[in-house]
């Protein structure tokens, strides 16, 4: 998964609202521009300074299972050292380690031999499997991932790149060939006022070559296949095939090239997008849905409701008022607590927690704190924000529970603290066991799992209890009308007002407002691309909130007019049903866009998409619930009830 923010600011955390709005517009209008925060300081290099290439995971879009670089029999340094990792990097399967590729700044080298490796049967088998599954090697220099230049399309002047280089390739003769020679190009930007330079690009062209040599000397390895006058290019020499007991010589070239690219824009090649028109189309499409729903809500609120309320308050003949509209007839039952009210409180509290996490994460992303240079930053921020938003979950669930005349607030607090995270963690643990069984670096190690447990039990659970305690101490929310002791009988409903139909119909429009942007998010997660256009995403998120709120209000009004007062759960499920369409789209995406063939990889895909859909259900359901809650209280507080 590769998601990264591409916008930012240069001042502190407390920015005025005007600057925040400017950041939002910049993010939406210029998504390919990368800015940096003071915490991401540039490094200056002088000539002959040492540059160390670090290696990251082996990744494949076909299997979605990352592997450690040294899982394959590549050349190893004397001591393998892991770089500092944050929580997000570990959860993504990143493993940043040192390598044998070391350069001197602005010092070109040709045909530098690194080592010779004898392929054991097991090593040859691993190479062949990784070539079959189209694995790519990811490297990093000065915090820049390596890219492979692509052939540009006819008429296109914009260069395009692929992340990482292929382990090897397979020809029609069913022979496997390993990319054992790497031609690096390091782009640098010179400081006109000093001898310093900054690295602004890291490219590689991989080749396969069967090196020839007369006698091998480990201390001074030399080959006859290439020299300063004979550069290696793809297809220029006999390729190195992968066979057991074969000797493979690894080598590289490096050239340094001055560039006009400035340091602050060096991520543009990773973030460059030609799809901005599609994003604007997505926004316009979503706005059309919002305008349509807003018109319906305005019609209901301004024309129908105000007319109903005015007539209801003015007419002396109560029977005449009751004949005019149906929603006033259920005023004595509309605030009756629903069945399983405690469970509803738990889900609403969890949804508020998720909403707070999402909103704050997007704000940080818009302001550049989750820039692509900060690998794993987005994942780390989401986990930590989820933990600290536990106080909102406890407060919300206990306030709602007290309104329902509940007394066992500690029981509701425990459910709020453990139900949603428990289900997610159980699924995550199962998927992690599958990854561990495949010996993938994507498996979360025991230490990180223990740290997640500590965050959950040591911080999140206590904060949920603190919030619940504060919420239950508040005075109960008073209903605008009294509830009758005897429930009113609900008349038979038309087919289009049946719960199943109205709930499923209600989820279509919220999903329709986000499904185009959803395509880019799924592409970034499953096809190893960077997602950075948080300006577009924030606009779509606002549209999602408005759409969920308005469709729930409209359907809730129709339900009350038909004298059905069981609106609590239906309001939650109406907006939340958009998660069903999200999961259905994930199934469509799997069969039409991905090339996953392994059973374990398929289980991982659907397992993670189930987690995402469940979280989306909780988020949208809570938005719909609170919109309907506000609407119902508003209309019944506006009429006189004797």
Foldseek 3Di string as FASTA:
>chain_A
DFAFAAFADADDDDDDPVVLVVLLVCLLPPVLFHFDYPVLDFDWDFFQDKWWKKWKWWAFLQQRFTAGPVVAPDDADPDKDWDDDDLLCLLSLITIITGQDMDTPQDWDAWAWRAKDFAAPVNLVVLVVQQVRFIFIWMDISLDIEWEWDDDDPPDPDTATHGGHTQWYADPVRWTFGQQEKEWEWEWEQDPVDSIITTQHIYIATAFADWADDDADRVDGDTPPDDPVRHDHHPPHDGHTRDHRDMDIHTYIYHYDYDPDDNSSSCSNQRPDPCSVLLVVLLVQLVVLLVVLVVLVCCCVPPVLVVLQVCQFPDPPNVVSCVVFQLVVQLQPLLQQAPVNLVLLLLLLLLQLLVQLVVVLLSCSSNNVRGSSPPSPSVNSSLLSSQLSLLSSLLRSLLSCVLNVHDPSVVSLVCSLCVLVVVLVVLVVVLLVLSVVVVGSSRNDPVSVVVSVCSSVVGRSVSSVVSNVVNNPDDHDDFLGHHDPDHDDQDDDDPCLDLVNLLLVLLPSLLSSCVSVVVVVVCVSSVVGYHHSSSSVVSSVVSSLSSLLSSLQSSVSVCSRSVNSNNQQSLLSSNLSNLVVQLVVLVVCCVPPGNHDDPSSVSSSSSVSVSVSVSSSSNSSSSSNVSNVVSVRVSSNSHDDD
